Amino acid sequence: MPNQRRTFTTEFKKQMVQLYENGKTRAALVEEYGLTASALDRWIKQAQTTGSFSEKDNRSAEENELIALRKENHASKWRSTF
């Protein structure tokens, strides 16, 4: 049976990052709260770089450009069918 994707509130993510910054080990947080190490690492990086946990706020300029180009390409294909 596949694992269900869990979602966490911004407040929870902030609390995990704060616990980490206050000295709680990464391993202890992962074990105690049933997190994946990659999720915790991502939250720590996001908090340190942008202070936001929103994917939109953490995209690089290249990622934003690629998304815009894909939207433009999709709209162009859609218009050409009519």
PDB file of N, CA and C in Angstrom:
ATOM      1  N   MET A   1       0.844  -1.174   0.000  1.00  0.00           N
ATOM      2  CA  MET A   1       0.000   0.000   0.000  1.00  0.00           C
ATOM      3  C   MET A   1       0.896   1.246   0.000  1.00  0.00           C
ATOM      4  N   PRO A   2       0.713   2.156  -0.941  1.00  0.00           N
ATOM      5  CA  PRO A   2       1.584   3.330  -1.018  1.00  0.00           C
ATOM      6  C   PRO A   2       1.368   4.280   0.160  1.00  0.00           C
ATOM      7  N   ASN A   3       2.437   4.982   0.509  1.00  0.00           N
ATOM      8  CA  ASN A   3       2.345   5.981   1.579  1.00  0.00           C
ATOM      9  C   ASN A   3       1.515   7.157   1.117  1.00  0.00           C
ATOM     10  N   GLN A   4       0.690   7.671   2.015  1.00  0.00           N
ATOM     11  CA  GLN A   4      -0.082   8.870   1.708  1.00  0.00           C
ATOM     12  C   GLN A   4       0.791  10.086   1.925  1.00  0.00           C
ATOM     13  N   ARG A   5       0.662  11.064   1.044  1.00  0.00           N
ATOM     14  CA  ARG A   5       1.420  12.297   1.174  1.00  0.00           C
ATOM     15  C   ARG A   5       0.833  13.105   2.327  1.00  0.00           C
ATOM     16  N   ARG A   6       1.693  13.500   3.248  1.00  0.00           N
ATOM     17  CA  ARG A   6       1.250  14.291   4.387  1.00  0.00           C
ATOM     18  C   ARG A   6       1.504  15.754   4.100  1.00  0.00           C
ATOM     19  N   THR A   7       0.657  16.598   4.629  1.00  0.00           N
ATOM     20  CA  THR A   7       0.866  18.034   4.501  1.00  0.00           C
ATOM     21  C   THR A   7       1.038  18.624   5.895  1.00  0.00           C
ATOM     22  N   PHE A   8       1.838  19.665   5.952  1.00  0.00           N
ATOM     23  CA  PHE A   8       2.148  20.301   7.225  1.00  0.00           C
ATOM     24  C   PHE A   8       1.867  21.789   7.125  1.00  0.00           C
ATOM     25  N   THR A   9       1.382  22.352   8.189  1.00  0.00           N
ATOM     26  CA  THR A   9       1.089  23.780   8.206  1.00  0.00           C
ATOM     27  C   THR A   9       2.388  24.575   8.264  1.00  0.00           C
ATOM     28  N   THR A  10       2.285  25.818   7.866  1.00  0.00           N
ATOM     29  CA  THR A  10       3.434  26.719   7.946  1.00  0.00           C
ATOM     30  C   THR A  10       3.906  26.839   9.383  1.00  0.00           C
ATOM     31  N   GLU A  11       2.976  26.906  10.316  1.00  0.00           N
ATOM     32  CA  GLU A  11       3.329  27.021  11.734  1.00  0.00           C
ATOM     33  C   GLU A  11       4.131  25.805  12.199  1.00  0.00           C
ATOM     34  N   PHE A  12       3.720  24.606  11.781  1.00  0.00           N
ATOM     35  CA  PHE A  12       4.448  23.395  12.155  1.00  0.00           C
ATOM     36  C   PHE A  12       5.872  23.434  11.595  1.00  0.00           C
ATOM     37  N   LYS A  13       6.000  23.835  10.337  1.00  0.00           N
ATOM     38  CA  LYS A  13       7.318  23.916   9.702  1.00  0.00           C
ATOM     39  C   LYS A  13       8.213  24.904  10.448  1.00  0.00           C
ATOM     40  N   LYS A  14       7.641  26.044  10.809  1.00  0.00           N
ATOM     41  CA  LYS A  14       8.401  27.046  11.572  1.00  0.00           C
ATOM     42  C   LYS A  14       8.867  26.468  12.900  1.00  0.00           C
ATOM     43  N   GLN A  15       7.994  25.718  13.567  1.00  0.00           N
ATOM     44  CA  GLN A  15       8.349  25.121  14.851  1.00  0.00           C
ATOM     45  C   GLN A  15       9.488  24.120  14.693  1.00  0.00           C
ATOM     46  N   MET A  16       9.453  23.319  13.637  1.00  0.00           N
ATOM     47  CA  MET A  16      10.509  22.335  13.404  1.00  0.00           C
ATOM     48  C   MET A  16      11.847  23.035  13.145  1.00  0.00           C
ATOM     49  N   VAL A  17      11.814  24.081  12.332  1.00  0.00           N
ATOM     50  CA  VAL A  17      13.036  24.834  12.042  1.00  0.00           C
ATOM     51  C   VAL A  17      13.562  25.480  13.319  1.00  0.00           C
ATOM     52  N   GLN A  18      12.670  26.032  14.117  1.00  0.00           N
ATOM     53  CA  GLN A  18      13.083  26.673  15.365  1.00  0.00           C
ATOM     54  C   GLN A  18      13.710  25.663  16.327  1.00  0.00           C
ATOM     55  N   LEU A  19      13.111  24.478  16.423  1.00  0.00           N
ATOM     56  CA  LEU A  19      13.692  23.438  17.277  1.00  0.00           C
ATOM     57  C   LEU A  19      15.094  23.074  16.794  1.00  0.00           C
ATOM     58  N   TYR A  20      15.253  22.955  15.474  1.00  0.00           N
ATOM     59  CA  TYR A  20      16.555  22.641  14.898  1.00  0.00           C
ATOM     60  C   TYR A  20      17.567  23.744  15.207  1.00  0.00           C
ATOM     61  N   GLU A  21      17.149  24.989  15.020  1.00  0.00           N
ATOM     62  CA  GLU A  21      18.043  26.122  15.268  1.00  0.00           C
ATOM     63  C   GLU A  21      18.398  26.265  16.747  1.00  0.00           C
ATOM     64  N   ASN A  22      17.525  25.753  17.620  1.00  0.00           N
ATOM     65  CA  ASN A  22      17.779  25.814  19.059  1.00  0.00           C
ATOM     66  C   ASN A  22      18.570  24.610  19.567  1.00  0.00           C
ATOM     67  N   GLY A  23      19.043  23.757  18.640  1.00  0.00           N
ATOM     68  CA  GLY A  23      19.942  22.685  19.043  1.00  0.00           C
ATOM     69  C   GLY A  23      19.421  21.274  18.958  1.00  0.00           C
ATOM     70  N   LYS A  24      18.152  21.089  18.666  1.00  0.00           N
ATOM     71  CA  LYS A  24      17.643  19.725  18.535  1.00  0.00           C
ATOM     72  C   LYS A  24      18.222  19.133  17.252  1.00  0.00           C
ATOM     73  N   THR A  25      18.683  17.902  17.332  1.00  0.00           N
ATOM     74  CA  THR A  25      19.335  17.319  16.160  1.00  0.00           C
ATOM     75  C   THR A  25      18.318  16.978  15.074  1.00  0.00           C
ATOM     76  N   ARG A  26      18.829  16.977  13.868  1.00  0.00           N
ATOM     77  CA  ARG A  26      18.019  16.621  12.700  1.00  0.00           C
ATOM     78  C   ARG A  26      17.451  15.207  12.875  1.00  0.00           C
ATOM     79  N   ALA A  27      18.305  14.288  13.305  1.00  0.00           N
ATOM     80  CA  ALA A  27      17.879  12.893  13.491  1.00  0.00           C
ATOM     81  C   ALA A  27      16.766  12.786  14.534  1.00  0.00           C
ATOM     82  N   ALA A  28      16.886  13.547  15.614  1.00  0.00           N
ATOM     83  CA  ALA A  28      15.869  13.497  16.670  1.00  0.00           C
ATOM     84  C   ALA A  28      14.533  14.036  16.163  1.00  0.00           C
ATOM     85  N   LEU A  29      14.565  15.112  15.400  1.00  0.00           N
ATOM     86  CA  LEU A  29      13.327  15.677  14.856  1.00  0.00           C
ATOM     87  C   LEU A  29      12.664  14.714  13.884  1.00  0.00           C
ATOM     88  N   VAL A  30      13.459  14.118  13.019  1.00  0.00           N
ATOM     89  CA  VAL A  30      12.931  13.171  12.032  1.00  0.00           C
ATOM     90  C   VAL A  30      12.262  11.999  12.741  1.00  0.00           C
ATOM     91  N   GLU A  31      12.936  11.458  13.754  1.00  0.00           N
ATOM     92  CA  GLU A  31      12.394  10.299  14.468  1.00  0.00           C
ATOM     93  C   GLU A  31      11.171  10.667  15.308  1.00  0.00           C
ATOM     94  N   GLU A  32      11.279  11.742  16.074  1.00  0.00           N
ATOM     95  CA  GLU A  32      10.202  12.116  16.994  1.00  0.00           C
ATOM     96  C   GLU A  32       8.910  12.511  16.290  1.00  0.00           C
ATOM     97  N   TYR A  33       9.038  13.203  15.154  1.00  0.00           N
ATOM     98  CA  TYR A  33       7.846  13.714  14.470  1.00  0.00           C
ATOM     99  C   TYR A  33       7.485  12.935  13.203  1.00  0.00           C
ATOM    100  N   GLY A  34       8.230  11.870  12.922  1.00  0.00           N
ATOM    101  CA  GLY A  34       7.923  11.042  11.767  1.00  0.00           C
ATOM    102  C   GLY A  34       8.097  11.766  10.438  1.00  0.00           C
ATOM    103  N   LEU A  35       9.118  12.615  10.363  1.00  0.00           N
ATOM    104  CA  LEU A  35       9.371  13.392   9.155  1.00  0.00           C
ATOM    105  C   LEU A  35      10.364  12.661   8.267  1.00  0.00           C
ATOM    106  N   THR A  36      10.463  13.116   7.032  1.00  0.00           N
ATOM    107  CA  THR A  36      11.556  12.655   6.193  1.00  0.00           C
ATOM    108  C   THR A  36      12.678  13.677   6.338  1.00  0.00           C
ATOM    109  N   ALA A  37      13.900  13.187   6.262  1.00  0.00           N
ATOM    110  CA  ALA A  37      15.054  14.079   6.385  1.00  0.00           C
ATOM    111  C   ALA A  37      15.055  15.113   5.270  1.00  0.00           C
ATOM    112  N   SER A  38      14.633  14.711   4.078  1.00  0.00           N
ATOM    113  CA  SER A  38      14.640  15.645   2.947  1.00  0.00           C
ATOM    114  C   SER A  38      13.643  16.780   3.153  1.00  0.00           C
ATOM    115  N   ALA A  39      12.486  16.477   3.733  1.00  0.00           N
ATOM    116  CA  ALA A  39      11.492  17.531   3.997  1.00  0.00           C
ATOM    117  C   ALA A  39      12.039  18.519   5.029  1.00  0.00           C
ATOM    118  N   LEU A  40      12.607  18.001   6.096  1.00  0.00           N
ATOM    119  CA  LEU A  40      13.162  18.875   7.134  1.00  0.00           C
ATOM    120  C   LEU A  40      14.295  19.730   6.563  1.00  0.00           C
ATOM    121  N   ASP A  41      15.165  19.127   5.773  1.00  0.00           N
ATOM    122  CA  ASP A  41      16.259  19.885   5.152  1.00  0.00           C
ATOM    123  C   ASP A  41      15.723  21.001   4.253  1.00  0.00           C
ATOM    124  N   ARG A  42      14.673  20.705   3.505  1.00  0.00           N
ATOM    125  CA  ARG A  42      14.066  21.707   2.615  1.00  0.00           C
ATOM    126  C   ARG A  42      13.486  22.860   3.426  1.00  0.00           C
ATOM    127  N   TRP A  43      12.798  22.557   4.523  1.00  0.00           N
ATOM    128  CA  TRP A  43      12.209  23.599   5.361  1.00  0.00           C
ATOM    129  C   TRP A  43      13.300  24.484   5.966  1.00  0.00           C
ATOM    130  N   ILE A  44      14.386  23.875   6.405  1.00  0.00           N
ATOM    131  CA  ILE A  44      15.489  24.642   6.984  1.00  0.00           C
ATOM    132  C   ILE A  44      16.084  25.568   5.922  1.00  0.00           C
ATOM    133  N   LYS A  45      16.313  25.044   4.740  1.00  0.00           N
ATOM    134  CA  LYS A  45      16.879  25.855   3.663  1.00  0.00           C
ATOM    135  C   LYS A  45      15.933  26.999   3.283  1.00  0.00           C
ATOM    136  N   GLN A  46      14.646  26.698   3.167  1.00  0.00           N
ATOM    137  CA  GLN A  46      13.669  27.727   2.811  1.00  0.00           C
ATOM    138  C   GLN A  46      13.619  28.815   3.876  1.00  0.00           C
ATOM    139  N   ALA A  47      13.638  28.423   5.132  1.00  0.00           N
ATOM    140  CA  ALA A  47      13.585  29.401   6.218  1.00  0.00           C
ATOM    141  C   ALA A  47      14.824  30.299   6.209  1.00  0.00           C
ATOM    142  N   GLN A  48      15.960  29.723   5.866  1.00  0.00           N
ATOM    143  CA  GLN A  48      17.209  30.485   5.871  1.00  0.00           C
ATOM    144  C   GLN A  48      17.351  31.383   4.641  1.00  0.00           C
ATOM    145  N   THR A  49      16.798  30.968   3.504  1.00  0.00           N
ATOM    146  CA  THR A  49      16.988  31.744   2.279  1.00  0.00           C
ATOM    147  C   THR A  49      15.913  32.794   2.064  1.00  0.00           C
ATOM    148  N   THR A  50      14.635  32.400   2.133  1.00  0.00           N
ATOM    149  CA  THR A  50      13.560  33.356   1.852  1.00  0.00           C
ATOM    150  C   THR A  50      12.660  33.615   3.047  1.00  0.00           C
ATOM    151  N   GLY A  51      12.699  32.735   4.023  1.00  0.00           N
ATOM    152  CA  GLY A  51      11.806  32.876   5.167  1.00  0.00           C
ATOM    153  C   GLY A  51      10.389  32.426   4.867  1.00  0.00           C
ATOM    154  N   SER A  52      10.181  31.857   3.681  1.00  0.00           N
ATOM    155  CA  SER A  52       8.853  31.413   3.266  1.00  0.00           C
ATOM    156  C   SER A  52       8.899  29.925   2.937  1.00  0.00           C
ATOM    157  N   PHE A  53       7.801  29.245   3.217  1.00  0.00           N
ATOM    158  CA  PHE A  53       7.705  27.825   2.896  1.00  0.00           C
ATOM    159  C   PHE A  53       6.891  27.588   1.626  1.00  0.00           C
ATOM    160  N   SER A  54       6.490  28.642   0.971  1.00  0.00           N
ATOM    161  CA  SER A  54       5.732  28.540  -0.278  1.00  0.00           C
ATOM    162  C   SER A  54       6.678  28.196  -1.419  1.00  0.00           C
ATOM    163  N   GLU A  55       6.328  27.193  -2.207  1.00  0.00           N
ATOM    164  CA  GLU A  55       7.163  26.807  -3.339  1.00  0.00           C
ATOM    165  C   GLU A  55       7.335  27.972  -4.310  1.00  0.00           C
ATOM    166  N   LYS A  56       6.274  28.739  -4.498  1.00  0.00           N
ATOM    167  CA  LYS A  56       6.318  29.885  -5.405  1.00  0.00           C
ATOM    168  C   LYS A  56       7.391  30.880  -4.991  1.00  0.00           C
ATOM    169  N   ASP A  57       7.532  31.103  -3.696  1.00  0.00           N
ATOM    170  CA  ASP A  57       8.515  32.065  -3.190  1.00  0.00           C
ATOM    171  C   ASP A  57       9.942  31.533  -3.240  1.00  0.00           C
ATOM    172  N   ASN A  58      10.097  30.235  -3.427  1.00  0.00           N
ATOM    173  CA  ASN A  58      11.422  29.626  -3.379  1.00  0.00           C
ATOM    174  C   ASN A  58      11.930  29.147  -4.738  1.00  0.00           C
ATOM    175  N   ARG A  59      11.267  29.557  -5.798  1.00  0.00           N
ATOM    176  CA  ARG A  59      11.721  29.176  -7.140  1.00  0.00           C
ATOM    177  C   ARG A  59      12.862  30.082  -7.586  1.00  0.00           C
ATOM    178  N   SER A  60      13.742  29.513  -8.393  1.00  0.00           N
ATOM    179  CA  SER A  60      14.821  30.308  -8.983  1.00  0.00           C
ATOM    180  C   SER A  60      14.255  31.090 -10.167  1.00  0.00           C
ATOM    181  N   ALA A  61      15.018  32.049 -10.634  1.00  0.00           N
ATOM    182  CA  ALA A  61      14.603  32.839 -11.804  1.00  0.00           C
ATOM    183  C   ALA A  61      14.425  31.923 -13.013  1.00  0.00           C
ATOM    184  N   GLU A  62      15.281  30.931 -13.144  1.00  0.00           N
ATOM    185  CA  GLU A  62      15.187  29.993 -14.264  1.00  0.00           C
ATOM    186  C   GLU A  62      13.902  29.164 -14.189  1.00  0.00           C
ATOM    187  N   GLU A  63      13.538  28.727 -12.984  1.00  0.00           N
ATOM    188  CA  GLU A  63      12.303  27.959 -12.827  1.00  0.00           C
ATOM    189  C   GLU A  63      11.083  28.807 -13.182  1.00  0.00           C
ATOM    190  N   ASN A  64      11.080  30.073 -12.747  1.00  0.00           N
ATOM    191  CA  ASN A  64       9.971  30.968 -13.079  1.00  0.00           C
ATOM    192  C   ASN A  64       9.885  31.193 -14.578  1.00  0.00           C
ATOM    193  N   GLU A  65      11.032  31.342 -15.231  1.00  0.00           N
ATOM    194  CA  GLU A  65      11.047  31.539 -16.677  1.00  0.00           C
ATOM    195  C   GLU A  65      10.520  30.305 -17.398  1.00  0.00           C
ATOM    196  N   LEU A  66      10.922  29.124 -16.963  1.00  0.00           N
ATOM    197  CA  LEU A  66      10.460  27.887 -17.575  1.00  0.00           C
ATOM    198  C   LEU A  66       8.948  27.741 -17.436  1.00  0.00           C
ATOM    199  N   ILE A  67       8.417  28.048 -16.277  1.00  0.00           N
ATOM    200  CA  ILE A  67       6.967  27.977 -16.061  1.00  0.00           C
ATOM    201  C   ILE A  67       6.251  28.939 -16.984  1.00  0.00           C
ATOM    202  N   ALA A  68       6.756  30.163 -17.102  1.00  0.00           N
ATOM    203  CA  ALA A  68       6.135  31.155 -17.985  1.00  0.00           C
ATOM    204  C   ALA A  68       6.181  30.697 -19.441  1.00  0.00           C
ATOM    205  N   LEU A  69       7.297  30.138 -19.858  1.00  0.00           N
ATOM    206  CA  LEU A  69       7.415  29.659 -21.241  1.00  0.00           C
ATOM    207  C   LEU A  69       6.474  28.487 -21.515  1.00  0.00           C
ATOM    208  N   ARG A  70       6.342  27.604 -20.554  1.00  0.00           N
ATOM    209  CA  ARG A  70       5.418  26.470 -20.720  1.00  0.00           C
ATOM    210  C   ARG A  70       3.973  26.957 -20.835  1.00  0.00           C
ATOM    211  N   LYS A  71       3.610  27.942 -20.019  1.00  0.00           N
ATOM    212  CA  LYS A  71       2.257  28.511 -20.100  1.00  0.00           C
ATOM    213  C   LYS A  71       2.034  29.156 -21.456  1.00  0.00           C
ATOM    214  N   GLU A  72       3.026  29.907 -21.915  1.00  0.00           N
ATOM    215  CA  GLU A  72       2.930  30.578 -23.210  1.00  0.00           C
ATOM    216  C   GLU A  72       2.805  29.550 -24.334  1.00  0.00           C
ATOM    217  N   ASN A  73       3.597  28.508 -24.273  1.00  0.00           N
ATOM    218  CA  ASN A  73       3.561  27.452 -25.284  1.00  0.00           C
ATOM    219  C   ASN A  73       2.212  26.743 -25.283  1.00  0.00           C
ATOM    220  N   HIS A  74       1.696  26.447 -24.108  1.00  0.00           N
ATOM    221  CA  HIS A  74       0.396  25.779 -23.987  1.00  0.00           C
ATOM    222  C   HIS A  74      -0.714  26.662 -24.568  1.00  0.00           C
ATOM    223  N   ALA A  75      -0.690  27.954 -24.253  1.00  0.00           N
ATOM    224  CA  ALA A  75      -1.711  28.874 -24.758  1.00  0.00           C
ATOM    225  C   ALA A  75      -1.615  28.985 -26.269  1.00  0.00           C
ATOM    226  N   SER A  76      -0.402  28.999 -26.794  1.00  0.00           N
ATOM    227  CA  SER A  76      -0.201  29.102 -28.233  1.00  0.00           C
ATOM    228  C   SER A  76      -0.748  27.860 -28.944  1.00  0.00           C
ATOM    229  N   LYS A  77      -0.514  26.681 -28.398  1.00  0.00           N
ATOM    230  CA  LYS A  77      -1.028  25.446 -28.983  1.00  0.00           C
ATOM    231  C   LYS A  77      -2.559  25.432 -28.941  1.00  0.00           C
ATOM    232  N   TRP A  78      -3.119  25.900 -27.832  1.00  0.00           N
ATOM    233  CA  TRP A  78      -4.571  25.903 -27.670  1.00  0.00           C
ATOM    234  C   TRP A  78      -5.210  26.838 -28.691  1.00  0.00           C
ATOM    235  N   ARG A  79      -4.624  28.027 -28.897  1.00  0.00           N
ATOM    236  CA  ARG A  79      -5.165  28.996 -29.856  1.00  0.00           C
ATOM    237  C   ARG A  79      -5.073  28.471 -31.283  1.00  0.00           C
ATOM    238  N   SER A  80      -4.044  27.720 -31.597  1.00  0.00           N
ATOM    239  CA  SER A  80      -3.850  27.246 -32.967  1.00  0.00           C
ATOM    240  C   SER A  80      -4.820  26.148 -33.354  1.00  0.00           C
ATOM    241  N   THR A  81      -5.510  25.541 -32.381  1.00  0.00           N
ATOM    242  CA  THR A  81      -6.464  24.482 -32.701  1.00  0.00           C
ATOM    243  C   THR A  81      -7.804  25.044 -33.148  1.00  0.00           C
ATOM    244  N   PHE A  82      -8.007  26.343 -33.006  1.00  0.00           N
ATOM    245  CA  PHE A  82      -9.288  26.949 -33.389  1.00  0.00           C
ATOM    246  C   PHE A  82      -9.156  27.834 -34.558  1.00  0.00           C
TER     247      PHE A  82
END
